[in-house]
């Protein structure tokens, strides 16, 4: 059971990193990457959206840095350290 939980935590980390990377590129709404991005958003939004509402983005000049993925990554790493 622990192995399955560790695998799911690793997959969730991978999904968050993939979402971060995909957010840097414009996506064609009809392209295959848009389907992948939609799946990643569906998987990661239940955790990221509440954090995004609670923690405002950090303004760096004209750019806003969303801290919610960083906080979730740290939280998942802590869970992995405890469980795995």
N, C-alpha and C. Protein backbone atom coordinates (compact mmCIF):
# COMPACT_ATOMS: atom_id res chain seq x y z
N UNK A 1 0.82 -1.20 0.00
CA UNK A 1 0.00 0.00 0.00
C UNK A 1 0.86 1.26 0.00
N UNK A 2 1.95 1.22 0.76
CA UNK A 2 2.84 2.38 0.83
C UNK A 2 3.47 2.65 -0.53
N UNK A 3 3.79 1.59 -1.26
CA UNK A 3 4.40 1.75 -2.58
C UNK A 3 3.44 2.46 -3.52
N UNK A 4 2.17 2.12 -3.45
CA UNK A 4 1.17 2.76 -4.32
C UNK A 4 1.02 4.23 -3.97
N UNK A 5 0.99 4.56 -2.69
CA UNK A 5 0.89 5.96 -2.27
C UNK A 5 2.11 6.74 -2.74
N UNK A 6 3.29 6.16 -2.59
CA UNK A 6 4.52 6.83 -3.04
C UNK A 6 4.50 7.04 -4.55
N UNK A 7 4.02 6.04 -5.29
CA UNK A 7 3.92 6.17 -6.74
C UNK A 7 2.95 7.29 -7.12
N UNK A 8 1.81 7.36 -6.45
CA UNK A 8 0.84 8.42 -6.73
C UNK A 8 1.39 9.80 -6.39
N UNK A 9 2.12 9.91 -5.30
CA UNK A 9 2.74 11.20 -4.95
C UNK A 9 3.77 11.61 -6.01
N UNK A 10 4.56 10.64 -6.49
CA UNK A 10 5.54 10.93 -7.55
C UNK A 10 4.84 11.36 -8.83
N UNK A 11 3.76 10.68 -9.19
CA UNK A 11 3.01 11.06 -10.39
C UNK A 11 2.39 12.44 -10.25
N UNK A 12 1.93 12.77 -9.05
CA UNK A 12 1.35 14.09 -8.82
C UNK A 12 2.41 15.18 -8.96
N UNK A 13 3.60 14.91 -8.42
CA UNK A 13 4.71 15.86 -8.60
C UNK A 13 5.02 16.05 -10.08
N UNK A 14 5.05 14.97 -10.82
CA UNK A 14 5.31 15.04 -12.26
C UNK A 14 4.23 15.86 -12.96
N UNK A 15 2.98 15.68 -12.57
CA UNK A 15 1.88 16.44 -13.16
C UNK A 15 2.02 17.94 -12.86
N UNK A 16 2.42 18.28 -11.66
CA UNK A 16 2.60 19.69 -11.31
C UNK A 16 3.74 20.30 -12.11
N UNK A 17 4.87 19.59 -12.20
CA UNK A 17 6.00 20.11 -12.99
C UNK A 17 5.61 20.25 -14.46
N UNK A 18 4.89 19.28 -15.00
CA UNK A 18 4.45 19.37 -16.40
C UNK A 18 3.52 20.57 -16.59
N UNK A 19 2.64 20.80 -15.63
CA UNK A 19 1.73 21.95 -15.73
C UNK A 19 2.51 23.26 -15.71
N UNK A 20 3.52 23.34 -14.84
CA UNK A 20 4.34 24.55 -14.77
C UNK A 20 5.02 24.80 -16.10
N UNK A 21 5.61 23.76 -16.67
CA UNK A 21 6.33 23.91 -17.94
C UNK A 21 5.37 24.28 -19.06
N UNK A 22 4.21 23.62 -19.12
CA UNK A 22 3.24 23.94 -20.17
C UNK A 22 2.70 25.36 -20.05
N UNK A 23 2.69 25.91 -18.86
CA UNK A 23 2.17 27.27 -18.68
C UNK A 23 3.08 28.32 -19.31
N UNK A 24 4.30 27.95 -19.63
CA UNK A 24 5.23 28.90 -20.24
C UNK A 24 5.03 29.05 -21.75
N UNK A 25 4.26 28.16 -22.36
CA UNK A 25 4.11 28.14 -23.81
C UNK A 25 2.66 28.38 -24.20
N UNK A 26 2.45 29.11 -25.31
CA UNK A 26 1.07 29.25 -25.80
C UNK A 26 0.61 27.91 -26.40
N UNK A 27 -0.64 27.55 -26.14
CA UNK A 27 -1.16 26.29 -26.63
C UNK A 27 -2.28 26.54 -27.63
N UNK A 28 -2.28 25.77 -28.71
CA UNK A 28 -3.36 25.80 -29.68
C UNK A 28 -4.56 25.09 -29.06
N UNK A 29 -5.70 25.76 -28.96
CA UNK A 29 -6.86 25.14 -28.30
C UNK A 29 -7.31 23.82 -28.94
N UNK A 30 -6.99 23.63 -30.22
CA UNK A 30 -7.40 22.42 -30.92
C UNK A 30 -6.28 21.39 -31.00
N UNK A 31 -5.12 21.69 -30.44
CA UNK A 31 -3.98 20.79 -30.54
C UNK A 31 -4.00 19.70 -29.49
N UNK A 32 -3.12 18.74 -29.69
CA UNK A 32 -3.04 17.61 -28.75
C UNK A 32 -2.47 18.05 -27.40
N UNK A 33 -1.61 19.06 -27.39
CA UNK A 33 -1.06 19.54 -26.13
C UNK A 33 -2.13 20.21 -25.27
N UNK A 34 -3.14 20.76 -25.92
CA UNK A 34 -4.25 21.35 -25.16
C UNK A 34 -5.02 20.27 -24.41
N UNK A 35 -5.11 19.09 -25.00
CA UNK A 35 -5.76 17.96 -24.33
C UNK A 35 -4.95 17.53 -23.12
N UNK A 36 -3.63 17.45 -23.29
CA UNK A 36 -2.74 17.10 -22.18
C UNK A 36 -2.84 18.15 -21.09
N UNK A 37 -2.80 19.42 -21.48
CA UNK A 37 -2.89 20.50 -20.50
C UNK A 37 -4.22 20.46 -19.77
N UNK A 38 -5.29 20.17 -20.49
CA UNK A 38 -6.61 20.06 -19.85
C UNK A 38 -6.64 18.96 -18.80
N UNK A 39 -6.02 17.83 -19.12
CA UNK A 39 -5.95 16.73 -18.16
C UNK A 39 -5.13 17.15 -16.94
N UNK A 40 -3.98 17.81 -17.17
CA UNK A 40 -3.13 18.24 -16.06
C UNK A 40 -3.86 19.25 -15.17
N UNK A 41 -4.60 20.15 -15.79
CA UNK A 41 -5.37 21.13 -15.00
C UNK A 41 -6.44 20.42 -14.19
N UNK A 42 -7.11 19.42 -14.79
CA UNK A 42 -8.15 18.68 -14.08
C UNK A 42 -7.58 17.94 -12.87
N UNK A 43 -6.36 17.42 -13.01
CA UNK A 43 -5.74 16.64 -11.93
C UNK A 43 -5.18 17.54 -10.83
N UNK A 44 -4.60 18.68 -11.21
CA UNK A 44 -3.90 19.51 -10.23
C UNK A 44 -4.74 20.64 -9.65
N UNK A 45 -5.78 21.07 -10.34
CA UNK A 45 -6.58 22.20 -9.85
C UNK A 45 -7.28 21.98 -8.50
N UNK A 46 -7.74 20.77 -8.18
CA UNK A 46 -8.39 20.62 -6.87
C UNK A 46 -7.50 20.99 -5.69
N UNK A 47 -6.19 20.88 -5.86
CA UNK A 47 -5.26 21.25 -4.78
C UNK A 47 -4.76 22.68 -4.97
N UNK A 48 -4.44 23.04 -6.21
CA UNK A 48 -3.85 24.36 -6.46
C UNK A 48 -4.85 25.51 -6.34
N UNK A 49 -6.08 25.31 -6.78
CA UNK A 49 -7.06 26.41 -6.79
C UNK A 49 -7.35 26.98 -5.40
N UNK A 50 -7.58 26.15 -4.37
CA UNK A 50 -7.81 26.74 -3.04
C UNK A 50 -6.60 27.51 -2.52
N UNK A 51 -5.40 26.99 -2.79
CA UNK A 51 -4.19 27.71 -2.37
C UNK A 51 -4.05 29.03 -3.12
N UNK A 52 -4.39 29.00 -4.39
CA UNK A 52 -4.28 30.21 -5.21
C UNK A 52 -5.23 31.29 -4.70
N UNK A 53 -6.39 30.87 -4.21
CA UNK A 53 -7.34 31.85 -3.64
C UNK A 53 -6.85 32.38 -2.30
N UNK A 54 -6.18 31.54 -1.52
CA UNK A 54 -5.74 31.93 -0.17
C UNK A 54 -4.43 32.72 -0.18
N UNK A 55 -3.56 32.42 -1.13
CA UNK A 55 -2.24 33.06 -1.17
C UNK A 55 -2.14 33.89 -2.45
N UNK A 56 -2.05 35.20 -2.32
CA UNK A 56 -1.97 36.03 -3.53
C UNK A 56 -0.63 35.85 -4.24
N UNK A 57 -0.65 36.10 -5.53
CA UNK A 57 0.58 36.02 -6.32
C UNK A 57 1.53 37.14 -5.90
N UNK A 58 2.81 36.85 -5.96
CA UNK A 58 3.84 37.84 -5.63
C UNK A 58 4.12 38.67 -6.88
N UNK A 59 4.03 39.98 -6.75
CA UNK A 59 4.28 40.87 -7.89
C UNK A 59 5.76 41.14 -8.00
N UNK A 60 6.32 40.89 -9.17
CA UNK A 60 7.71 41.20 -9.47
C UNK A 60 7.72 42.13 -10.67
N UNK A 61 7.53 43.41 -10.41
CA UNK A 61 7.40 44.37 -11.50
C UNK A 61 6.08 44.14 -12.21
N UNK A 62 6.16 43.85 -13.51
CA UNK A 62 4.94 43.61 -14.29
C UNK A 62 4.55 42.13 -14.34
N UNK A 63 5.30 41.29 -13.63
CA UNK A 63 5.06 39.85 -13.65
C UNK A 63 4.53 39.41 -12.29
N UNK A 64 3.59 38.48 -12.30
CA UNK A 64 3.07 37.91 -11.05
C UNK A 64 3.54 36.47 -10.93
N UNK A 65 4.11 36.13 -9.78
CA UNK A 65 4.61 34.78 -9.53
C UNK A 65 3.62 34.05 -8.64
N UNK A 66 3.05 32.97 -9.18
CA UNK A 66 2.09 32.15 -8.44
C UNK A 66 2.86 31.19 -7.54
N UNK A 67 2.68 31.31 -6.24
CA UNK A 67 3.42 30.49 -5.28
C UNK A 67 2.74 29.16 -4.97
N UNK A 68 1.51 28.98 -5.40
CA UNK A 68 0.78 27.76 -5.03
C UNK A 68 1.46 26.47 -5.51
N UNK A 69 2.00 26.39 -6.73
CA UNK A 69 2.69 25.15 -7.10
C UNK A 69 3.91 24.87 -6.23
N UNK A 70 4.63 25.91 -5.85
CA UNK A 70 5.82 25.73 -5.02
C UNK A 70 5.41 25.17 -3.65
N UNK A 71 4.34 25.71 -3.09
CA UNK A 71 3.87 25.24 -1.78
C UNK A 71 3.39 23.80 -1.86
N UNK A 72 2.69 23.45 -2.93
CA UNK A 72 2.21 22.06 -3.08
C UNK A 72 3.39 21.11 -3.28
N UNK A 73 4.38 21.52 -4.06
CA UNK A 73 5.57 20.68 -4.26
C UNK A 73 6.27 20.43 -2.92
N UNK A 74 6.42 21.47 -2.13
CA UNK A 74 7.05 21.30 -0.81
C UNK A 74 6.21 20.37 0.06
N UNK A 75 4.89 20.56 0.05
CA UNK A 75 4.01 19.71 0.84
C UNK A 75 4.07 18.25 0.42
N UNK A 76 4.10 18.00 -0.89
CA UNK A 76 4.18 16.62 -1.37
C UNK A 76 5.54 16.01 -1.01
N UNK A 77 6.59 16.81 -1.09
CA UNK A 77 7.92 16.31 -0.71
C UNK A 77 7.95 15.95 0.77
N UNK A 78 7.32 16.75 1.60
CA UNK A 78 7.26 16.44 3.04
C UNK A 78 6.49 15.14 3.25
N UNK A 79 5.35 15.00 2.57
CA UNK A 79 4.58 13.76 2.67
C UNK A 79 5.39 12.55 2.22
N UNK A 80 6.13 12.72 1.12
CA UNK A 80 6.97 11.62 0.64
C UNK A 80 8.03 11.27 1.67
N UNK A 81 8.59 12.27 2.32
CA UNK A 81 9.60 12.01 3.35
C UNK A 81 9.03 11.26 4.54
N UNK A 82 7.78 11.54 4.87
CA UNK A 82 7.14 10.87 6.01
C UNK A 82 6.69 9.46 5.64
N UNK A 83 6.08 9.33 4.47
CA UNK A 83 5.45 8.06 4.09
C UNK A 83 6.42 7.09 3.42
N UNK A 84 7.20 7.61 2.50
CA UNK A 84 8.03 6.71 1.66
C UNK A 84 9.30 6.37 2.37
